[in-house]
């Protein structure tokens, strides 16, 4: 049996990072003959990646309940880690008074958390690949709980202890921005990841925004220490749920290559006849239970609940810790990863800026107490909700539209047009907030402006993360380490200068400069929209990662 040139072209494209056959079309019926798929709105949607044909414990084949339980545990973990970041926002003035220092020096404590997040990811990432996701989740969560207890005590003792505690907290919570996206790619198919990544992004930004709101109410009545103690209690509860309901998602078994039957000589060659005979069609919801209750020929037994409670699994013998440690540094040479890192970092930096300046701005001009400062963050939270919906639902709709026009082939760049809206919201919100504050309007002016900024920032975070994961799904852990580390460095720079900069130049100038930096970065999206595939082909041909690991 022979195949056409078009079929060989698709097989070659399959080796370009991020290019996937997603929808069934007549143009690619031959290639799709052996692929597992679901039906949605009368269209065959191929499962990317293809779940194992013989291993019943493949996380892609878990039931919807098990998948969502695991995923929501990850989002809750990221949310609590994000809450601890700006938890001091409403108490900045009181902490400065307690230690007899300036607001800028208190902001250094936030900077210590951020920079140690970036450095800590480099430590946690190799362990995530070597021993699995579950032990890293549990260890990080337990250390976060301990750090919050430490900080509760330090908030009334010494500045040095607070600074050291914040640094330790940053190291402990470092995985929140690298491991959860990896879990999403572990258990969900490509066509369902957009909304999951967006909801996770909401968890991160929502924690940054609700943290100051809830902590302000506690600080106003009981003091800074109790804000940390109460968060520690919730993190402890998260550890319990995580232990019981979050099994390991790292899969070391084999999965079918949907294009392995296409050979260069034009013959159909099923190298695994047993697998070929077991190719199946999966109807219904995308999260459908894919053979979770039945065994497949030559398959293994389903893991018992008690077995899933093991804190860790056998270390992966194929993982070299030194080599995987170096991978995030090599990814700094990938234009796709660098772009995603810069957009992600500059978008998330707005939350850091808001947390560091709310006391400075709203106390001086509007006389807000700690509780009122916390309530300011209701607006950014609502903005994040709007941005999450736009980037989840809208970006998926746009990407699916272009995929159908492209004969069912999905390219990561098909999400990028939504960045236009993210740019407009970010700049428009900064302009409204800056002008309102500068001309001493009602406090609702800057508050609404902060909400609009957050909507744009949420879209920037989710869009950049989704694009990077779509381009390099096989490097999800490593690329999120690179993104999170660069993000932390960008945010760290702002914590060192933002308060004194606003005192010297005014809010309007500072906010417009920061917004302009965002716009300039967003404009580079046009380069990736037009030339993204060429860039990904260049990355593949350069083989930088492979060459590094051969050294």
Protein backbone atom coordinates (compact mmCIF):
# COMPACT_ATOMS: atom_id res chain seq x y z
CA UNK A 1 0.00 0.00 0.00
CA UNK A 2 1.36 3.43 -0.92
CA UNK A 3 0.88 6.88 0.54
CA UNK A 4 0.79 10.27 -1.13
CA UNK A 5 3.30 13.10 -1.00
CA UNK A 6 0.86 15.05 1.14
CA UNK A 7 0.88 12.23 3.68
CA UNK A 8 4.67 12.19 3.80
CA UNK A 9 4.64 15.97 4.25
CA UNK A 10 2.35 15.63 7.26
CA UNK A 11 4.62 12.96 8.71
CA UNK A 12 7.57 15.33 8.36
CA UNK A 13 5.59 18.20 9.92
CA UNK A 14 4.86 15.97 12.89
CA UNK A 15 8.51 16.41 13.88
CA UNK A 16 8.13 20.20 14.09
CA UNK A 17 7.54 21.03 17.78
CA UNK A 18 3.92 22.02 18.30
CA UNK A 19 2.45 21.05 14.92
CA UNK A 20 -0.34 18.53 15.51
CA UNK A 21 -3.15 16.94 13.52
CA UNK A 22 -6.16 17.82 15.65
CA UNK A 23 -9.32 17.59 13.52
CA UNK A 24 -10.31 14.90 11.03
CA UNK A 25 -10.48 16.14 7.45
CA UNK A 26 -10.68 14.41 4.08
CA UNK A 27 -7.25 15.81 3.26
CA UNK A 28 -5.63 13.72 5.99
CA UNK A 29 -7.91 10.74 6.22
CA UNK A 30 -5.06 8.34 5.44
CA UNK A 31 -2.84 9.55 8.26
CA UNK A 32 -5.73 9.54 10.72
CA UNK A 33 -6.75 5.96 10.09
CA UNK A 34 -4.92 4.62 13.11
CA UNK A 35 -5.50 7.44 15.58
CA UNK A 36 -7.73 7.48 18.66
CA UNK A 37 -10.28 10.28 18.63
CA UNK A 38 -13.48 11.59 20.17
CA UNK A 39 -16.49 13.16 18.52
CA UNK A 40 -17.41 16.71 19.41
CA UNK A 41 -20.16 18.61 17.58
CA UNK A 42 -20.03 16.13 14.76
CA UNK A 43 -16.26 16.55 14.24
CA UNK A 44 -13.62 13.92 14.98
CA UNK A 45 -11.08 15.43 17.39
CA UNK A 46 -7.85 13.44 17.59
CA UNK A 47 -6.34 12.79 20.99
CA UNK A 48 -2.99 14.55 21.35
CA UNK A 49 -0.99 12.91 22.82
CA UNK A 50 -2.34 9.44 22.04
CA UNK A 51 -3.03 7.48 25.26
CA UNK A 52 -1.36 4.13 25.86
CA UNK A 53 -2.98 1.13 24.22
CA UNK A 54 -1.78 -1.36 26.81
CA UNK A 55 -1.28 0.49 30.12
CA UNK A 56 -4.50 1.03 32.04
CA UNK A 57 -2.71 3.37 34.50
CA UNK A 58 -1.78 5.98 31.89
CA UNK A 59 -2.94 9.32 33.44
CA UNK A 60 -4.48 10.25 30.08
CA UNK A 61 -6.91 7.35 30.63
CA UNK A 62 -8.01 8.37 34.11
CA UNK A 63 -11.67 9.09 34.80
CA UNK A 64 -12.84 12.73 34.69
CA UNK A 65 -13.28 12.72 38.48
CA UNK A 66 -9.71 11.56 39.07
CA UNK A 67 -8.31 14.04 36.58
CA UNK A 68 -10.21 16.98 38.05
CA UNK A 69 -9.37 15.97 41.61
CA UNK A 70 -5.67 15.95 40.74
CA UNK A 71 -5.88 19.17 38.75
CA UNK A 72 -7.82 21.12 41.39
CA UNK A 73 -5.36 20.03 44.05
CA UNK A 74 -2.62 21.50 41.88
CA UNK A 75 -4.53 24.76 41.36
CA UNK A 76 -5.24 25.01 45.12
CA UNK A 77 -1.53 24.49 45.81
CA UNK A 78 -0.60 27.25 43.34
CA UNK A 79 -3.29 29.54 44.76
CA UNK A 80 -2.03 29.20 48.34
CA UNK A 81 1.55 29.75 47.21
CA UNK A 82 0.46 32.88 45.37
CA UNK A 83 -1.44 34.14 48.42
CA UNK A 84 1.78 34.16 50.45
CA UNK A 85 3.53 36.44 47.93
CA UNK A 86 1.65 39.74 48.47
CA UNK A 87 0.24 38.81 51.88
CA UNK A 88 2.08 41.74 53.46
CA UNK A 89 0.64 44.33 51.05
CA UNK A 90 -1.87 45.85 53.48
CA UNK A 91 0.60 45.64 56.36
CA UNK A 92 3.56 47.35 54.73
CA UNK A 93 3.15 50.55 56.71
CA UNK A 94 2.76 48.73 60.03
CA UNK A 95 5.80 46.53 59.32
CA UNK A 96 7.88 49.59 58.42
CA UNK A 97 6.84 51.17 61.72
CA UNK A 98 7.57 47.97 63.69
CA UNK A 99 11.12 47.74 62.35
CA UNK A 100 11.72 51.48 62.08
CA UNK A 101 12.55 51.29 58.37
CA UNK A 102 11.25 52.42 54.97
CA UNK A 103 8.63 50.93 52.66
CA UNK A 104 11.33 50.25 50.08
CA UNK A 105 13.24 48.05 52.56
CA UNK A 106 10.04 46.13 53.34
CA UNK A 107 9.65 45.61 49.59
CA UNK A 108 13.09 43.97 49.63
CA UNK A 109 11.46 41.12 51.58
CA UNK A 110 9.07 40.56 48.67
CA UNK A 111 12.06 40.67 46.35
CA UNK A 112 13.79 37.97 48.41
CA UNK A 113 10.77 35.72 47.90
CA UNK A 114 10.74 36.33 44.16
CA UNK A 115 14.43 35.77 43.49
CA UNK A 116 14.48 32.60 45.59
CA UNK A 117 11.48 31.34 43.63
CA UNK A 118 13.52 31.63 40.46
CA UNK A 119 16.61 29.97 41.92
CA UNK A 120 14.56 27.32 43.73
CA UNK A 121 12.96 26.14 40.50
CA UNK A 122 16.38 25.09 39.23
CA UNK A 123 16.67 22.78 42.26
CA UNK A 124 13.13 21.36 42.16
CA UNK A 125 12.93 20.72 38.43
CA UNK A 126 15.41 17.82 38.17
CA UNK A 127 13.68 16.13 41.10
CA UNK A 128 10.31 16.50 39.35
CA UNK A 129 11.69 14.61 36.37
CA UNK A 130 13.69 12.05 38.34
CA UNK A 131 11.35 11.04 41.18
CA UNK A 132 8.02 12.36 39.92
CA UNK A 133 5.52 15.16 40.57
CA UNK A 134 3.89 13.84 43.76
CA UNK A 135 6.93 14.00 46.12
CA UNK A 136 7.77 17.51 44.93
CA UNK A 137 4.19 18.69 45.51
CA UNK A 138 4.14 17.24 49.03
CA UNK A 139 7.62 18.44 50.04
CA UNK A 140 7.06 21.94 48.69
CA UNK A 141 3.68 22.26 50.39
CA UNK A 142 5.03 21.11 53.76
CA UNK A 143 7.95 23.56 53.54
CA UNK A 144 5.55 26.37 52.62
CA UNK A 145 3.56 25.63 55.77
CA UNK A 146 6.73 25.74 57.90
CA UNK A 147 7.82 29.01 56.27
CA UNK A 148 4.50 30.68 57.11
CA UNK A 149 4.80 29.65 60.75
CA UNK A 150 8.33 31.11 60.79
CA UNK A 151 7.11 34.39 59.24
CA UNK A 152 4.23 34.63 61.70
CA UNK A 153 6.80 34.75 64.47
CA UNK A 154 9.26 36.98 62.58
CA UNK A 155 6.64 39.65 61.86
CA UNK A 156 6.96 40.92 65.41
CA UNK A 157 10.61 40.15 66.16
CA UNK A 158 13.29 41.28 63.69
CA UNK A 159 13.66 42.50 60.13
CA UNK A 160 16.52 40.08 59.49
CA UNK A 161 14.35 37.11 60.47
CA UNK A 162 11.52 38.36 58.24
CA UNK A 163 13.89 38.75 55.29
CA UNK A 164 15.36 35.27 55.79
CA UNK A 165 11.90 33.76 56.24
CA UNK A 166 10.66 35.34 53.03
CA UNK A 167 13.68 33.97 51.17
CA UNK A 168 12.99 30.47 52.54
CA UNK A 169 9.33 30.83 51.56
CA UNK A 170 10.36 31.68 48.00
CA UNK A 171 12.48 28.54 47.76
CA UNK A 172 9.68 26.39 49.21
CA UNK A 173 6.96 27.66 46.88
CA UNK A 174 9.12 27.81 43.74
CA UNK A 175 7.37 24.88 41.98
CA UNK A 176 3.96 26.60 41.90
CA UNK A 177 4.76 28.14 38.52
CA UNK A 178 6.45 25.14 36.91
CA UNK A 179 4.92 21.90 38.15
CA UNK A 180 1.19 22.62 37.74
CA UNK A 181 1.41 23.34 33.98
CA UNK A 182 3.33 20.07 33.69
CA UNK A 183 0.52 18.26 35.48
CA UNK A 184 -1.93 19.73 32.97
CA UNK A 185 0.06 18.30 30.06
CA UNK A 186 0.36 14.99 31.95
CA UNK A 187 -3.38 14.34 32.24
CA UNK A 188 -5.24 16.45 29.65
CA UNK A 189 -5.30 16.31 25.86
CA UNK A 190 -4.23 19.22 23.68
CA UNK A 191 -7.76 20.33 22.73
CA UNK A 192 -8.74 20.66 26.39
CA UNK A 193 -5.69 22.44 27.76
CA UNK A 194 -6.59 26.05 26.94
CA UNK A 195 -9.25 26.41 29.63
CA UNK A 196 -7.17 24.40 32.13
CA UNK A 197 -4.12 26.62 31.69
CA UNK A 198 -6.33 29.70 31.92
CA UNK A 199 -7.94 28.50 35.16
CA UNK A 200 -4.51 27.72 36.57
CA UNK A 201 -3.36 31.23 35.60
CA UNK A 202 -6.40 32.58 37.42
CA UNK A 203 -5.31 30.59 40.48
CA UNK A 204 -1.88 32.24 40.42
CA UNK A 205 -3.10 35.79 39.79
CA UNK A 206 -6.20 35.27 41.94
CA UNK A 207 -3.96 34.32 44.85
CA UNK A 208 -1.94 37.47 44.29
CA UNK A 209 -5.13 39.53 44.40
CA UNK A 210 -7.23 37.79 47.03
CA UNK A 211 -4.24 37.35 49.34
CA UNK A 212 -4.00 41.06 50.18
CA UNK A 213 -7.80 41.28 50.48
CA UNK A 214 -8.14 38.51 53.08
CA UNK A 215 -4.90 39.31 54.89
CA UNK A 216 -5.97 42.96 55.25
CA UNK A 217 -9.05 41.92 57.22
CA UNK A 218 -6.86 39.80 59.52
CA UNK A 219 -4.11 42.40 59.87
CA UNK A 220 -6.64 45.11 60.78
CA UNK A 221 -7.96 43.04 63.71
CA UNK A 222 -5.23 40.64 64.82
CA UNK A 223 -1.92 41.81 63.35
CA UNK A 224 0.47 40.63 60.66
CA UNK A 225 1.52 37.46 62.48
CA UNK A 226 -1.94 35.92 62.42
CA UNK A 227 -2.20 36.45 58.66
CA UNK A 228 0.73 34.06 58.24
CA UNK A 229 -0.53 31.59 60.86
CA UNK A 230 -3.97 31.30 59.25
CA UNK A 231 -2.45 30.77 55.80
CA UNK A 232 -0.21 28.08 57.31
CA UNK A 233 -3.32 26.29 58.58
CA UNK A 234 -4.92 26.31 55.12
CA UNK A 235 -1.70 25.06 53.54
CA UNK A 236 -1.64 22.23 56.10
CA UNK A 237 -5.17 21.29 55.05
CA UNK A 238 -4.02 21.35 51.42
CA UNK A 239 -1.26 18.87 52.29
CA UNK A 240 -3.86 16.43 53.64
CA UNK A 241 -6.05 16.67 50.51
CA UNK A 242 -2.99 16.39 48.29
CA UNK A 243 -1.80 13.24 50.06
CA UNK A 244 -5.18 11.55 49.67
CA UNK A 245 -6.39 12.79 46.28
CA UNK A 246 -3.35 13.63 44.14
CA UNK A 247 -1.62 10.55 42.71
CA UNK A 248 1.52 10.60 40.63
CA UNK A 249 0.96 11.93 37.08
CA UNK A 250 4.37 11.21 35.56
CA UNK A 251 3.98 8.42 33.00
CA UNK A 252 7.03 6.39 32.02
CA UNK A 253 5.29 3.85 29.79
CA UNK A 254 4.99 3.84 26.01
CA UNK A 255 2.34 5.62 23.97
CA UNK A 256 1.61 5.14 20.27
CA UNK A 257 3.14 7.51 17.76
CA UNK A 258 0.20 8.43 15.50
CA UNK A 259 2.53 8.70 12.50
CA UNK A 260 4.79 5.72 13.14
CA UNK A 261 3.10 3.79 10.31
CA UNK A 262 4.29 6.24 7.65
CA UNK A 263 7.67 5.22 6.27
CA UNK A 264 9.91 7.10 3.87
CA UNK A 265 9.58 4.45 1.17
CA UNK A 266 5.83 4.97 0.94
CA UNK A 267 4.71 1.77 2.66
CA UNK A 268 2.39 1.43 5.63
CA UNK A 269 4.49 -0.19 8.32
CA UNK A 270 2.83 -1.02 11.64
CA UNK A 271 5.87 -1.96 13.67
CA UNK A 272 3.66 -2.91 16.59
CA UNK A 273 0.91 -5.15 15.19
CA UNK A 274 -0.64 -5.71 18.63
CA UNK A 275 -0.99 -1.96 19.11
CA UNK A 276 -2.36 -1.51 15.62
CA UNK A 277 -5.10 -4.03 16.29
CA UNK A 278 -6.09 -2.26 19.48
CA UNK A 279 -6.55 1.22 18.00
CA UNK A 280 -9.88 2.45 19.31
CA UNK A 281 -12.42 5.18 18.82
CA UNK A 282 -13.45 7.03 21.98
CA UNK A 283 -16.86 8.65 21.88
CA UNK A 284 -18.31 11.33 24.09
CA UNK A 285 -16.69 13.94 26.29
CA UNK A 286 -13.01 14.70 25.88
CA UNK A 287 -12.40 13.83 29.48
CA UNK A 288 -14.13 10.50 29.00
CA UNK A 289 -12.87 7.53 30.96
CA UNK A 290 -10.50 5.99 28.40
CA UNK A 291 -10.51 2.30 29.30
CA UNK A 292 -10.20 3.05 33.04
CA UNK A 293 -12.28 0.06 34.10
CA UNK A 294 -11.13 -2.61 31.69
CA UNK A 295 -7.84 -4.10 30.78
CA UNK A 296 -6.38 -4.19 27.28
CA UNK A 297 -4.61 -7.18 25.72
CA UNK A 298 -1.14 -7.46 27.21
CA UNK A 299 -1.98 -4.68 29.67
CA UNK A 300 -1.35 -4.41 33.40
CA UNK A 301 -3.55 -4.29 36.48
CA UNK A 302 -5.12 -1.07 37.69
CA UNK A 303 -3.30 0.50 40.65
CA UNK A 304 -5.11 0.24 43.97
CA UNK A 305 -5.97 3.32 46.03
CA UNK A 306 -3.40 2.38 48.67
CA UNK A 307 -0.68 2.17 46.04
CA UNK A 308 -1.48 5.68 44.84
CA UNK A 309 -0.81 6.98 48.37
CA UNK A 310 2.89 6.17 48.16
CA UNK A 311 4.75 9.48 48.64
CA UNK A 312 7.12 8.66 45.80
CA UNK A 313 7.71 6.16 43.03
CA UNK A 314 10.85 4.44 41.82
CA UNK A 315 13.33 7.02 40.43
CA UNK A 316 13.44 7.11 36.65
CA UNK A 317 16.72 5.40 35.62
CA UNK A 318 16.65 7.18 32.26
CA UNK A 319 16.94 10.64 33.84
CA UNK A 320 20.42 12.09 34.32
CA UNK A 321 20.15 14.81 36.98
CA UNK A 322 23.07 16.84 35.65
CA UNK A 323 21.73 16.88 32.10
CA UNK A 324 18.21 17.88 33.09
CA UNK A 325 19.66 20.53 35.41
CA UNK A 326 21.25 22.16 32.36
CA UNK A 327 18.17 22.04 30.13
CA UNK A 328 16.49 25.27 31.38
CA UNK A 329 19.71 27.16 30.60
CA UNK A 330 19.79 25.75 27.06
CA UNK A 331 16.17 26.82 26.58
CA UNK A 332 17.32 30.43 26.95
CA UNK A 333 18.48 30.05 23.33
CA UNK A 334 14.94 29.14 22.17
CA UNK A 335 13.20 32.30 20.86
CA UNK A 336 9.77 30.81 21.63
CA UNK A 337 10.69 30.26 25.28
CA UNK A 338 12.38 33.63 25.72
CA UNK A 339 9.35 35.41 24.23
CA UNK A 340 6.97 33.53 26.52
CA UNK A 341 9.20 34.27 29.53
CA UNK A 342 9.30 38.02 28.87
CA UNK A 343 5.57 38.35 28.21
CA UNK A 344 4.73 36.19 31.23
CA UNK A 345 7.15 38.09 33.48
CA UNK A 346 6.07 41.58 32.48
CA UNK A 347 2.41 40.61 32.78
CA UNK A 348 2.75 39.06 36.23
CA UNK A 349 4.95 41.95 37.38
CA UNK A 350 1.83 44.13 37.56
CA UNK A 351 0.62 42.12 40.55
CA UNK A 352 3.95 42.60 42.26
CA UNK A 353 3.79 46.35 41.60
CA UNK A 354 0.24 46.58 42.96
CA UNK A 355 1.12 44.63 46.09
CA UNK A 356 4.19 46.77 46.75
CA UNK A 357 2.50 50.15 46.17
CA UNK A 358 -1.08 49.86 47.45
CA UNK A 359 -0.15 51.17 50.90
CA UNK A 360 2.06 53.90 49.46
CA UNK A 361 -0.52 55.16 46.95
CA UNK A 362 -3.87 54.79 48.67
CA UNK A 363 -2.79 55.82 52.16
CA UNK A 364 -1.20 59.09 51.10
CA UNK A 365 -3.86 60.31 48.66
CA UNK A 366 -7.06 58.66 49.89
CA UNK A 367 -6.35 57.89 53.55
CA UNK A 368 -7.11 54.15 53.21
CA UNK A 369 -6.51 51.98 56.26
CA UNK A 370 -5.30 48.36 55.99
CA UNK A 371 -8.80 46.97 55.41
CA UNK A 372 -9.59 49.47 52.67
CA UNK A 373 -6.26 48.73 50.99
CA UNK A 374 -7.19 45.07 50.90
CA UNK A 375 -10.58 45.82 49.36
CA UNK A 376 -8.82 47.58 46.48
CA UNK A 377 -7.80 44.11 45.24
CA UNK A 378 -11.40 43.15 44.52
CA UNK A 379 -11.07 45.07 41.27
CA UNK A 380 -7.92 43.24 40.04
CA UNK A 381 -9.53 39.93 40.99
CA UNK A 382 -12.62 40.69 38.91
CA UNK A 383 -10.32 41.75 36.09
CA UNK A 384 -8.48 38.43 36.32
CA UNK A 385 -11.79 36.56 36.11
CA UNK A 386 -12.63 38.43 32.91
CA UNK A 387 -9.14 37.89 31.48
CA UNK A 388 -9.25 34.19 32.36
CA UNK A 389 -12.54 33.74 30.51
CA UNK A 390 -11.30 35.68 27.49
CA UNK A 391 -8.02 33.81 27.23
CA UNK A 392 -9.61 30.42 27.89
CA UNK A 393 -12.78 30.48 25.84
CA UNK A 394 -11.83 33.08 23.25
CA UNK A 395 -8.33 31.78 22.49
CA UNK A 396 -9.63 28.21 22.10
CA UNK A 397 -12.37 29.44 19.75
CA UNK A 398 -9.91 31.44 17.66
CA UNK A 399 -7.39 28.58 17.55
CA UNK A 400 -10.06 26.05 16.57
CA UNK A 401 -11.30 28.35 13.79
CA UNK A 402 -7.84 28.61 12.26
CA UNK A 403 -7.25 24.88 12.75
CA UNK A 404 -10.33 24.00 10.69
CA UNK A 405 -9.20 26.40 7.96
CA UNK A 406 -5.80 24.70 8.03
CA UNK A 407 -7.27 21.28 7.16
CA UNK A 408 -7.33 20.17 10.79
CA UNK A 409 -3.68 20.87 11.58
CA UNK A 410 -3.09 22.89 14.78
CA UNK A 411 -0.19 25.31 15.01
CA UNK A 412 0.64 27.00 18.36
CA UNK A 413 0.60 30.41 16.67
CA UNK A 414 -3.14 30.10 16.13
CA UNK A 415 -3.71 31.32 19.71
CA UNK A 416 -1.66 34.48 19.30
CA UNK A 417 -4.22 36.88 17.71
CA UNK A 418 -5.86 37.20 21.14
CA UNK A 419 -2.74 39.07 22.29
CA UNK A 420 -4.10 42.21 20.60
CA UNK A 421 -6.85 42.39 23.22
CA UNK A 422 -4.35 41.75 26.04
CA UNK A 423 -2.24 44.66 24.82
CA UNK A 424 -5.19 47.06 24.65
CA UNK A 425 -6.44 46.15 28.13
CA UNK A 426 -3.01 46.44 29.77
CA UNK A 427 -2.17 49.83 28.27
CA UNK A 428 -5.70 51.21 28.65
CA UNK A 429 -5.88 50.18 32.30
CA UNK A 430 -2.49 51.71 33.10
CA UNK A 431 -3.49 54.94 31.37
CA UNK A 432 -6.77 55.16 33.29
CA UNK A 433 -5.15 54.38 36.64
CA UNK A 434 -2.25 56.76 36.09
CA UNK A 435 -4.32 59.71 34.89
CA UNK A 436 -6.97 59.26 37.59
CA UNK A 437 -4.39 59.20 40.35
CA UNK A 438 -2.32 62.04 38.89
CA UNK A 439 -5.30 64.38 38.67
CA UNK A 440 -6.69 63.39 42.10
CA UNK A 441 -10.00 62.04 40.86
CA UNK A 442 -12.27 59.78 42.92
CA UNK A 443 -10.48 56.64 44.15
CA UNK A 444 -12.63 54.48 41.86
CA UNK A 445 -10.60 55.77 38.90
CA UNK A 446 -7.31 54.07 39.80
CA UNK A 447 -9.15 51.10 41.33
CA UNK A 448 -11.01 50.39 38.05
CA UNK A 449 -7.78 50.98 36.15
CA UNK A 450 -6.08 48.28 38.23
CA UNK A 451 -8.90 45.90 37.35
CA UNK A 452 -8.46 46.52 33.61
CA UNK A 453 -4.69 46.06 33.93
CA UNK A 454 -5.28 42.71 35.63
CA UNK A 455 -7.56 41.53 32.82
CA UNK A 456 -4.81 42.22 30.29
CA UNK A 457 -2.13 40.74 32.56
CA UNK A 458 -4.15 37.55 33.05
CA UNK A 459 -4.43 37.17 29.28
CA UNK A 460 -0.70 37.76 28.84
CA UNK A 461 0.17 35.15 31.46
CA UNK A 462 -2.18 32.46 30.12
CA UNK A 463 -1.45 33.13 26.45
CA UNK A 464 2.34 33.04 26.79
CA UNK A 465 2.20 29.90 28.92
CA UNK A 466 -0.15 28.10 26.54
CA UNK A 467 1.97 29.01 23.53
CA UNK A 468 5.18 27.74 25.11
CA UNK A 469 3.54 24.50 26.25
CA UNK A 470 2.02 23.94 22.81
CA UNK A 471 5.42 24.47 21.16
CA UNK A 472 7.43 22.23 23.47
CA UNK A 473 5.08 19.92 25.34
CA UNK A 474 7.83 17.30 25.74
CA UNK A 475 9.84 19.87 27.74
CA UNK A 476 6.97 21.19 29.86
CA UNK A 477 8.87 20.97 33.16
CA UNK A 478 12.08 22.54 31.88
CA UNK A 479 10.46 25.37 29.95
CA UNK A 480 8.25 26.36 32.88
CA UNK A 481 11.38 26.55 35.03
CA UNK A 482 12.96 28.92 32.49
CA UNK A 483 9.78 31.00 32.29
CA UNK A 484 9.26 31.13 36.05
CA UNK A 485 12.91 32.00 36.74
CA UNK A 486 12.99 34.88 34.25
CA UNK A 487 9.62 36.05 35.55
CA UNK A 488 10.97 36.14 39.09
CA UNK A 489 14.01 38.12 37.97
CA UNK A 490 11.82 40.72 36.22
CA UNK A 491 9.50 41.07 39.21
CA UNK A 492 12.47 41.18 41.60
CA UNK A 493 13.89 44.21 39.76
CA UNK A 494 10.63 46.09 40.28
CA UNK A 495 10.57 45.35 44.03
CA UNK A 496 13.98 47.01 44.38
CA UNK A 497 13.00 50.27 42.71
CA UNK A 498 9.22 50.70 42.53
CA UNK A 499 8.51 52.61 45.77
CA UNK A 500 11.38 55.09 45.45
CA UNK A 501 10.68 55.43 41.71
CA UNK A 502 7.08 56.46 42.34
CA UNK A 503 8.21 58.93 45.02
CA UNK A 504 10.65 60.47 42.56
CA UNK A 505 8.65 60.43 39.30
CA UNK A 506 4.99 60.00 40.23
CA UNK A 507 2.53 57.20 39.56
CA UNK A 508 1.52 58.36 36.07
CA UNK A 509 5.07 58.34 34.72
CA UNK A 510 5.96 55.01 36.31
CA UNK A 511 2.79 53.23 35.21
CA UNK A 512 3.05 54.48 31.63
CA UNK A 513 6.70 53.41 31.34
CA UNK A 514 5.85 49.94 32.65
CA UNK A 515 2.84 49.73 30.31
CA UNK A 516 4.97 50.82 27.33
CA UNK A 517 7.42 48.00 28.07
CA UNK A 518 4.46 45.60 27.98
CA UNK A 519 3.24 46.99 24.66
CA UNK A 520 6.68 46.72 23.04
CA UNK A 521 6.94 43.07 24.10
CA UNK A 522 3.40 42.33 22.92
CA UNK A 523 4.17 43.82 19.50
CA UNK A 524 6.79 41.11 18.97
CA UNK A 525 3.85 38.69 18.88
CA UNK A 526 3.44 39.63 15.21
CA UNK A 527 6.87 38.15 14.50
CA UNK A 528 5.88 34.82 16.05
CA UNK A 529 2.46 34.82 14.41
CA UNK A 530 4.03 35.25 10.97
CA UNK A 531 7.31 33.35 11.43
CA UNK A 532 6.64 31.12 14.44
CA UNK A 533 6.68 27.88 12.49
CA UNK A 534 9.94 28.78 10.77
CA UNK A 535 11.43 29.53 14.17
CA UNK A 536 10.27 26.16 15.49
CA UNK A 537 11.75 24.39 12.47
CA UNK A 538 15.04 26.19 13.09
CA UNK A 539 14.97 25.07 16.74
CA UNK A 540 14.45 21.49 15.61
CA UNK A 541 17.25 21.58 13.06
CA UNK A 542 19.69 23.31 15.44
CA UNK A 543 19.29 20.48 17.99
CA UNK A 544 20.78 22.65 20.73
CA UNK A 545 19.41 20.53 23.55
CA UNK A 546 20.65 17.27 22.07
CA UNK A 547 24.12 18.71 21.44
CA UNK A 548 24.35 20.01 24.99
CA UNK A 549 23.46 16.63 26.47
CA UNK A 550 26.12 14.91 24.37
CA UNK A 551 28.85 17.05 25.90
